[in-house]
Amino acid sequence: MIAGNITLDMRTAVEDVLRRIASTAWCPECNQIVELLAVKDASRASGTTPSALLLSIVKKRIHCLDLRGRLLICATSLQRCEAVTGDLDRR
């Protein structure tokens, strides 16, 4: 039974790594490879509304990429913006 658990754990770990690789890309503004988040996920992670995120994108506080018609937010710039503003909704 232990071998079965190890196989399952290994499969979960590999799937997690592949998922992370698939959700990364080069952010020209950060000049590095970053994790990308869908607007809904970025909203949850930052504890703000999607409209507040879009306003921060327009004001160039948060970087975004349009990949095949899907708007994805740079997690690095999202974290930096939260660190600077303390809360996205306040500004």
N, C-alpha and C. Protein backbone atom coordinates (compact mmCIF):
# COMPACT_ATOMS: atom_id res chain seq x y z
N MET A 1 0.81 -1.21 0.00
CA MET A 1 0.00 0.00 0.00
C MET A 1 0.85 1.27 0.00
N ILE A 2 2.02 1.22 0.62
CA ILE A 2 2.90 2.38 0.66
C ILE A 2 3.33 2.78 -0.75
N ALA A 3 3.64 1.79 -1.58
CA ALA A 3 4.05 2.08 -2.96
C ALA A 3 2.94 2.81 -3.71
N GLY A 4 1.70 2.44 -3.46
CA GLY A 4 0.57 3.11 -4.11
C GLY A 4 0.47 4.56 -3.70
N ASN A 5 0.70 4.83 -2.42
CA ASN A 5 0.66 6.22 -1.93
C ASN A 5 1.79 7.04 -2.51
N ILE A 6 2.99 6.44 -2.62
CA ILE A 6 4.13 7.15 -3.18
C ILE A 6 3.87 7.49 -4.65
N THR A 7 3.31 6.53 -5.38
CA THR A 7 2.99 6.77 -6.79
C THR A 7 1.97 7.90 -6.92
N LEU A 8 0.96 7.89 -6.09
CA LEU A 8 -0.07 8.93 -6.12
C LEU A 8 0.52 10.29 -5.75
N ASP A 9 1.36 10.32 -4.70
CA ASP A 9 2.01 11.56 -4.29
C ASP A 9 2.92 12.10 -5.39
N MET A 10 3.66 11.20 -6.03
CA MET A 10 4.58 11.60 -7.10
C MET A 10 3.79 12.16 -8.28
N ARG A 11 2.69 11.52 -8.61
CA ARG A 11 1.86 11.99 -9.73
C ARG A 11 1.30 13.38 -9.41
N THR A 12 0.84 13.59 -8.18
CA THR A 12 0.32 14.89 -7.78
C THR A 12 1.42 15.95 -7.85
N ALA A 13 2.61 15.60 -7.41
CA ALA A 13 3.73 16.55 -7.45
C ALA A 13 4.09 16.91 -8.89
N VAL A 14 4.13 15.93 -9.76
CA VAL A 14 4.46 16.19 -11.17
C VAL A 14 3.37 17.05 -11.81
N GLU A 15 2.12 16.75 -11.54
CA GLU A 15 1.02 17.54 -12.09
C GLU A 15 1.09 18.99 -11.60
N ASP A 16 1.46 19.18 -10.35
CA ASP A 16 1.60 20.53 -9.79
C ASP A 16 2.71 21.30 -10.49
N VAL A 17 3.85 20.65 -10.71
CA VAL A 17 4.97 21.30 -11.41
C VAL A 17 4.57 21.65 -12.83
N LEU A 18 3.93 20.74 -13.53
CA LEU A 18 3.51 21.01 -14.91
C LEU A 18 2.48 22.14 -14.97
N ARG A 19 1.59 22.19 -14.00
CA ARG A 19 0.60 23.26 -13.95
C ARG A 19 1.29 24.62 -13.76
N ARG A 20 2.30 24.65 -12.89
CA ARG A 20 3.03 25.91 -12.67
C ARG A 20 3.80 26.34 -13.91
N ILE A 21 4.42 25.38 -14.59
CA ILE A 21 5.15 25.71 -15.82
C ILE A 21 4.19 26.26 -16.87
N ALA A 22 3.02 25.67 -16.97
CA ALA A 22 2.03 26.10 -17.96
C ALA A 22 1.48 27.49 -17.64
N SER A 23 1.55 27.91 -16.37
CA SER A 23 1.00 29.21 -16.01
C SER A 23 2.08 30.27 -15.81
N THR A 24 3.22 30.08 -16.47
CA THR A 24 4.29 31.08 -16.40
C THR A 24 4.58 31.61 -17.79
N ALA A 25 5.12 32.82 -17.82
CA ALA A 25 5.50 33.43 -19.09
C ALA A 25 6.45 34.58 -18.80
N TRP A 26 7.02 35.14 -19.85
CA TRP A 26 7.93 36.26 -19.73
C TRP A 26 7.12 37.56 -19.63
N CYS A 27 7.36 38.30 -18.56
CA CYS A 27 6.72 39.61 -18.41
C CYS A 27 7.75 40.66 -18.84
N PRO A 28 7.49 41.35 -19.96
CA PRO A 28 8.46 42.35 -20.43
C PRO A 28 8.64 43.52 -19.46
N GLU A 29 7.63 43.82 -18.68
CA GLU A 29 7.73 44.93 -17.73
C GLU A 29 8.61 44.55 -16.53
N CYS A 30 8.47 43.33 -16.04
CA CYS A 30 9.28 42.85 -14.91
C CYS A 30 10.65 42.36 -15.39
N ASN A 31 10.72 42.06 -16.67
CA ASN A 31 11.95 41.55 -17.29
C ASN A 31 12.35 40.20 -16.68
N GLN A 32 11.37 39.35 -16.46
CA GLN A 32 11.63 38.02 -15.90
C GLN A 32 10.44 37.10 -16.16
N ILE A 33 10.66 35.82 -15.92
CA ILE A 33 9.57 34.85 -16.02
C ILE A 33 8.75 34.96 -14.75
N VAL A 34 7.45 35.07 -14.92
CA VAL A 34 6.55 35.27 -13.78
C VAL A 34 5.38 34.29 -13.85
N GLU A 35 4.73 34.13 -12.73
CA GLU A 35 3.50 33.34 -12.70
C GLU A 35 2.36 34.23 -13.18
N LEU A 36 1.49 33.67 -13.98
CA LEU A 36 0.35 34.41 -14.49
C LEU A 36 -0.93 33.92 -13.84
N LEU A 37 -1.80 34.86 -13.53
CA LEU A 37 -3.07 34.53 -12.90
C LEU A 37 -4.22 35.05 -13.74
N ALA A 38 -5.28 34.28 -13.80
CA ALA A 38 -6.51 34.77 -14.42
C ALA A 38 -7.05 35.89 -13.54
N VAL A 39 -7.85 36.78 -14.10
CA VAL A 39 -8.38 37.92 -13.35
C VAL A 39 -9.11 37.44 -12.10
N LYS A 40 -9.90 36.41 -12.24
CA LYS A 40 -10.67 35.87 -11.11
C LYS A 40 -9.74 35.39 -9.98
N ASP A 41 -8.67 34.67 -10.36
CA ASP A 41 -7.72 34.17 -9.37
C ASP A 41 -6.92 35.30 -8.74
N ALA A 42 -6.54 36.28 -9.54
CA ALA A 42 -5.80 37.43 -9.02
C ALA A 42 -6.68 38.24 -8.07
N SER A 43 -7.95 38.32 -8.39
CA SER A 43 -8.90 39.02 -7.53
C SER A 43 -8.99 38.33 -6.17
N ARG A 44 -9.10 37.01 -6.20
CA ARG A 44 -9.15 36.24 -4.95
C ARG A 44 -7.85 36.39 -4.16
N ALA A 45 -6.72 36.29 -4.86
CA ALA A 45 -5.41 36.35 -4.19
C ALA A 45 -5.16 37.71 -3.54
N SER A 46 -5.65 38.77 -4.18
CA SER A 46 -5.41 40.11 -3.66
C SER A 46 -6.53 40.61 -2.75
N GLY A 47 -7.63 39.87 -2.73
CA GLY A 47 -8.76 40.27 -1.89
C GLY A 47 -9.45 41.53 -2.38
N THR A 48 -9.47 41.71 -3.68
CA THR A 48 -10.11 42.89 -4.26
C THR A 48 -11.04 42.47 -5.40
N THR A 49 -11.68 43.42 -6.01
CA THR A 49 -12.61 43.11 -7.09
C THR A 49 -11.90 43.10 -8.44
N PRO A 50 -12.46 42.38 -9.41
CA PRO A 50 -11.87 42.40 -10.75
C PRO A 50 -11.83 43.81 -11.34
N SER A 51 -12.82 44.63 -11.05
CA SER A 51 -12.81 46.00 -11.59
C SER A 51 -11.68 46.83 -11.00
N ALA A 52 -11.36 46.62 -9.71
CA ALA A 52 -10.23 47.32 -9.10
C ALA A 52 -8.92 46.87 -9.73
N LEU A 53 -8.82 45.58 -10.05
CA LEU A 53 -7.63 45.07 -10.72
C LEU A 53 -7.48 45.71 -12.10
N LEU A 54 -8.57 45.77 -12.84
CA LEU A 54 -8.52 46.37 -14.17
C LEU A 54 -8.14 47.84 -14.11
N LEU A 55 -8.61 48.55 -13.10
CA LEU A 55 -8.22 49.95 -12.91
C LEU A 55 -6.72 50.05 -12.64
N SER A 56 -6.17 49.14 -11.85
CA SER A 56 -4.73 49.13 -11.58
C SER A 56 -3.93 48.81 -12.84
N ILE A 57 -4.50 47.99 -13.71
CA ILE A 57 -3.84 47.68 -14.98
C ILE A 57 -3.81 48.93 -15.86
N VAL A 58 -4.93 49.63 -15.93
CA VAL A 58 -5.01 50.85 -16.73
C VAL A 58 -4.02 51.90 -16.22
N LYS A 59 -3.88 51.97 -14.90
CA LYS A 59 -2.95 52.94 -14.29
C LYS A 59 -1.51 52.43 -14.30
N LYS A 60 -1.29 51.26 -14.92
CA LYS A 60 0.03 50.64 -15.08
C LYS A 60 0.70 50.28 -13.76
N ARG A 61 -0.11 49.99 -12.74
CA ARG A 61 0.43 49.50 -11.47
C ARG A 61 0.62 47.99 -11.50
N ILE A 62 -0.19 47.33 -12.32
CA ILE A 62 -0.14 45.87 -12.46
C ILE A 62 0.07 45.56 -13.94
N HIS A 63 0.91 44.57 -14.20
CA HIS A 63 1.18 44.16 -15.58
C HIS A 63 0.22 43.05 -15.98
N CYS A 64 -0.13 43.05 -17.25
CA CYS A 64 -0.98 41.98 -17.75
C CYS A 64 -0.53 41.59 -19.14
N LEU A 65 -0.87 40.38 -19.51
CA LEU A 65 -0.57 39.86 -20.84
C LEU A 65 -1.86 39.34 -21.45
N ASP A 66 -1.99 39.54 -22.73
CA ASP A 66 -3.14 39.00 -23.46
C ASP A 66 -2.62 37.80 -24.24
N LEU A 67 -2.91 36.62 -23.74
CA LEU A 67 -2.46 35.40 -24.40
C LEU A 67 -3.65 34.70 -25.02
N ARG A 68 -3.69 34.73 -26.33
CA ARG A 68 -4.77 34.08 -27.09
C ARG A 68 -6.14 34.57 -26.67
N GLY A 69 -6.26 35.88 -26.45
CA GLY A 69 -7.54 36.47 -26.09
C GLY A 69 -7.90 36.33 -24.61
N ARG A 70 -6.98 35.83 -23.81
CA ARG A 70 -7.23 35.65 -22.37
C ARG A 70 -6.33 36.61 -21.60
N LEU A 71 -6.94 37.45 -20.79
CA LEU A 71 -6.19 38.42 -19.99
C LEU A 71 -5.61 37.73 -18.76
N LEU A 72 -4.29 37.77 -18.64
CA LEU A 72 -3.61 37.16 -17.51
C LEU A 72 -2.79 38.21 -16.78
N ILE A 73 -2.78 38.15 -15.47
CA ILE A 73 -2.12 39.16 -14.64
C ILE A 73 -0.82 38.61 -14.09
N CYS A 74 0.20 39.44 -14.14
CA CYS A 74 1.52 39.11 -13.62
C CYS A 74 1.46 39.10 -12.08
N ALA A 75 1.71 37.93 -11.50
CA ALA A 75 1.63 37.79 -10.04
C ALA A 75 2.70 38.63 -9.34
N THR A 76 3.86 38.78 -9.96
CA THR A 76 4.94 39.57 -9.36
C THR A 76 4.53 41.03 -9.23
N SER A 77 3.97 41.60 -10.28
CA SER A 77 3.55 43.00 -10.21
C SER A 77 2.36 43.17 -9.27
N LEU A 78 1.52 42.15 -9.18
CA LEU A 78 0.39 42.20 -8.25
C LEU A 78 0.91 42.27 -6.81
N GLN A 79 1.89 41.46 -6.49
CA GLN A 79 2.48 41.47 -5.14
C GLN A 79 3.17 42.80 -4.86
N ARG A 80 3.87 43.33 -5.85
CA ARG A 80 4.55 44.63 -5.66
C ARG A 80 3.54 45.74 -5.44
N CYS A 81 2.47 45.72 -6.20
CA CYS A 81 1.44 46.76 -6.07
C CYS A 81 0.81 46.70 -4.69
N GLU A 82 0.53 45.50 -4.21
CA GLU A 82 -0.05 45.36 -2.87
C GLU A 82 0.92 45.85 -1.81
N ALA A 83 2.21 45.61 -2.01
CA ALA A 83 3.21 46.04 -1.04
C ALA A 83 3.32 47.56 -1.00
N VAL A 84 3.17 48.19 -2.16
CA VAL A 84 3.28 49.65 -2.25
C VAL A 84 2.02 50.33 -1.75
N THR A 85 0.86 49.84 -2.20
CA THR A 85 -0.40 50.51 -1.87
C THR A 85 -1.01 50.00 -0.57
N GLY A 86 -0.62 48.79 -0.16
CA GLY A 86 -1.22 48.20 1.03
C GLY A 86 -2.56 47.56 0.70
N ASP A 87 -3.31 48.17 -0.17
CA ASP A 87 -4.61 47.64 -0.57
C ASP A 87 -4.97 48.25 -1.92
N LEU A 88 -5.30 47.45 -2.90
CA LEU A 88 -5.58 47.96 -4.24
C LEU A 88 -6.79 48.88 -4.28
N ASP A 89 -7.78 48.64 -3.42
CA ASP A 89 -9.02 49.42 -3.47
C ASP A 89 -8.87 50.83 -2.94
N ARG A 90 -7.86 51.11 -2.18
CA ARG A 90 -7.74 52.42 -1.55
C ARG A 90 -7.35 53.53 -2.50
N ARG A 91 -6.61 53.20 -3.56
CA ARG A 91 -6.14 54.26 -4.47
C ARG A 91 -7.04 54.42 -5.65
